[in-house]
């Protein structure tokens, strides 16, 4: 059984993330969506809120499991017997940072764990969680870039 991990802060989950999750779920017996506490980012949604939104958005994918963690990705991978780490790429500018991180993680994982890069569908190539939050906060239209549940949660958080 191949276990894959797609990890990120997902603050909030976007349709670009869902594109990678849906495609990643086809590649593995089980896909763990790992909601990470990223020390370099100040989260807008709590880990519980992010997890709940992802769970709701992926309920139609029976082999997708949601988990949360903090610390080294490599530690989580080792402790949870992950075979494959999936990373999403939006643009060529993502590749260099993702390559560097994948190579460091490969050193930390040891043998037996592969990193797979999936290029997001072009229609979502410009979408990021931060950009979605910023545009929404300025009353810009984001429907179609995030799942409906995320849109509603953003309205609630921003008091709109």
Protein backbone atom coordinates (compact mmCIF):
# COMPACT_ATOMS: atom_id res chain seq x y z
CA UNK A 1 0.00 0.00 0.00
CA UNK A 2 1.44 3.36 -1.04
CA UNK A 3 0.86 6.22 1.37
CA UNK A 4 1.33 9.70 0.00
CA UNK A 5 1.52 13.01 1.81
CA UNK A 6 0.51 16.41 0.47
CA UNK A 7 1.48 18.93 3.14
CA UNK A 8 1.01 22.64 3.41
CA UNK A 9 -0.44 25.38 5.54
CA UNK A 10 -3.65 25.56 3.45
CA UNK A 11 -4.59 28.93 4.96
CA UNK A 12 -7.14 28.61 3.39
CA UNK A 13 -7.42 25.70 0.99
CA UNK A 14 -7.91 26.89 -2.60
CA UNK A 15 -9.21 25.21 -5.73
CA UNK A 16 -5.57 24.90 -6.80
CA UNK A 17 -4.86 22.83 -3.68
CA UNK A 18 -7.96 20.73 -4.38
CA UNK A 19 -6.73 20.12 -7.91
CA UNK A 20 -3.49 18.65 -6.52
CA UNK A 21 -5.36 16.66 -3.84
CA UNK A 22 -7.78 15.15 -6.36
CA UNK A 23 -5.01 14.18 -8.75
CA UNK A 24 -2.74 12.97 -5.93
CA UNK A 25 -5.51 10.76 -4.55
CA UNK A 26 -5.52 8.89 -7.87
CA UNK A 27 -1.82 8.08 -7.47
CA UNK A 28 -1.85 6.58 -3.97
CA UNK A 29 -3.79 4.04 -1.99
CA UNK A 30 -4.04 6.65 0.76
CA UNK A 31 -3.34 10.37 0.52
CA UNK A 32 -2.72 12.20 3.76
CA UNK A 33 -3.33 15.93 3.56
CA UNK A 34 -1.01 17.26 6.23
CA UNK A 35 -1.98 20.62 7.64
CA UNK A 36 1.27 22.10 8.87
CA UNK A 37 2.05 24.73 11.41
CA UNK A 38 4.45 26.89 9.43
CA UNK A 39 6.64 28.94 11.77
CA UNK A 40 7.45 31.45 9.02
CA UNK A 41 3.76 32.34 8.52
CA UNK A 42 1.20 33.90 10.82
CA UNK A 43 -1.96 31.84 10.26
CA UNK A 44 -5.31 33.44 9.53
CA UNK A 45 -7.33 30.29 10.24
CA UNK A 46 -6.59 27.93 13.12
CA UNK A 47 -5.31 24.45 12.34
CA UNK A 48 -8.71 23.06 13.40
CA UNK A 49 -10.54 25.44 11.06
CA UNK A 50 -8.24 24.58 8.17
CA UNK A 51 -8.59 20.86 8.84
CA UNK A 52 -12.39 21.10 8.98
CA UNK A 53 -12.54 22.98 5.67
CA UNK A 54 -10.25 20.44 3.97
CA UNK A 55 -12.25 17.54 5.37
CA UNK A 56 -15.48 19.05 4.03
CA UNK A 57 -13.90 19.74 0.62
CA UNK A 58 -12.48 16.23 0.26
CA UNK A 59 -15.33 14.16 1.72
CA UNK A 60 -16.02 12.73 -1.75
CA UNK A 61 -12.49 11.25 -1.90
CA UNK A 62 -12.57 8.07 0.21
CA UNK A 63 -8.80 7.56 0.30
CA UNK A 64 -8.00 11.05 1.59
CA UNK A 65 -7.19 11.49 5.28
CA UNK A 66 -6.59 14.82 7.04
CA UNK A 67 -3.90 15.18 9.72
CA UNK A 68 -2.11 18.06 11.42
CA UNK A 69 1.50 18.38 12.47
CA UNK A 70 4.30 20.79 13.23
CA UNK A 71 8.02 20.46 12.95
CA UNK A 72 10.05 18.75 10.28
CA UNK A 73 8.20 17.26 7.34
CA UNK A 74 10.83 14.53 7.22
CA UNK A 75 10.07 13.53 10.80
CA UNK A 76 6.36 13.24 10.01
CA UNK A 77 7.16 11.20 6.91
CA UNK A 78 9.32 8.76 8.87
CA UNK A 79 6.94 8.45 11.82
CA UNK A 80 3.92 7.83 9.58
CA UNK A 81 5.42 5.45 7.01
CA UNK A 82 4.87 7.80 4.06
CA UNK A 83 6.16 6.46 0.73
CA UNK A 84 5.62 9.51 -1.47
CA UNK A 85 5.55 13.24 -0.82
CA UNK A 86 3.51 15.24 -3.32
CA UNK A 87 4.33 18.88 -3.94
CA UNK A 88 2.35 21.26 -6.13
CA UNK A 89 3.95 23.65 -8.57
CA UNK A 90 2.12 26.72 -9.83
CA UNK A 91 4.86 28.32 -11.88
CA UNK A 92 8.51 27.89 -12.76
CA UNK A 93 9.38 30.23 -9.88
CA UNK A 94 8.05 27.60 -7.42
CA UNK A 95 10.34 24.95 -8.84
CA UNK A 96 13.67 26.15 -7.46
CA UNK A 97 12.45 26.51 -3.88
CA UNK A 98 10.56 23.20 -4.06
CA UNK A 99 13.57 21.42 -5.56
CA UNK A 100 15.83 22.67 -2.81
CA UNK A 101 13.35 21.63 -0.12
CA UNK A 102 12.83 18.21 -1.75
CA UNK A 103 16.56 17.57 -1.88
CA UNK A 104 17.04 18.51 1.78
CA UNK A 105 14.09 16.34 2.76
CA UNK A 106 15.43 13.43 0.70
CA UNK A 107 18.62 13.62 2.71
CA UNK A 108 16.57 13.57 5.92
CA UNK A 109 14.16 10.81 4.85
CA UNK A 110 16.81 8.36 3.80
CA UNK A 111 16.00 5.71 1.20
CA UNK A 112 12.55 4.70 0.11
CA UNK A 113 10.66 8.02 -0.01
CA UNK A 114 10.09 9.83 -3.28
CA UNK A 115 8.97 13.39 -3.96
CA UNK A 116 6.60 13.90 -6.87
CA UNK A 117 5.86 17.34 -8.31
CA UNK A 118 2.41 17.93 -9.78
CA UNK A 119 1.88 21.04 -11.87
CA UNK A 120 -1.42 22.67 -11.07
CA UNK A 121 -4.09 23.13 -13.69
CA UNK A 122 -3.31 26.38 -15.56
CA UNK A 123 -6.57 28.05 -14.52
CA UNK A 124 -5.28 28.06 -10.90
CA UNK A 125 -1.61 28.78 -11.60
CA UNK A 126 -1.78 32.28 -10.12
CA UNK A 127 -3.82 31.38 -7.01
CA UNK A 128 -2.28 31.38 -3.55
CA UNK A 129 -3.91 31.39 -0.13
CA UNK A 130 -2.32 34.73 0.72
CA UNK A 131 -3.52 36.35 -2.48
CA UNK A 132 -7.04 34.99 -1.94
CA UNK A 133 -7.14 36.45 1.59
CA UNK A 134 -5.79 39.80 0.41
CA UNK A 135 -8.20 40.15 -2.51
CA UNK A 136 -11.16 39.11 -0.33
CA UNK A 137 -10.19 41.56 2.43
CA UNK A 138 -10.31 44.34 -0.17
CA UNK A 139 -13.78 43.22 -1.36
CA UNK A 140 -12.49 41.56 -4.51
CA UNK A 141 -14.24 38.59 -6.09
CA UNK A 142 -12.71 35.20 -5.27
CA UNK A 143 -15.58 32.83 -6.04
CA UNK A 144 -14.31 30.11 -8.33
CA UNK A 145 -10.85 30.28 -6.75
CA UNK A 146 -11.87 28.67 -3.45
CA UNK A 147 -14.51 26.09 -2.52
CA UNK A 148 -17.86 27.51 -1.40
CA UNK A 149 -17.25 26.47 2.22
CA UNK A 150 -14.02 28.48 2.24
CA UNK A 151 -15.81 31.49 0.79
CA UNK A 152 -18.37 31.28 3.61
CA UNK A 153 -15.64 30.89 6.25
CA UNK A 154 -13.80 33.92 4.89
CA UNK A 155 -17.03 35.93 5.10
CA UNK A 156 -17.47 34.81 8.71
CA UNK A 157 -13.85 35.58 9.68
CA UNK A 158 -13.90 39.00 8.04
CA UNK A 159 -17.37 39.77 9.43
CA UNK A 160 -18.92 40.25 5.98
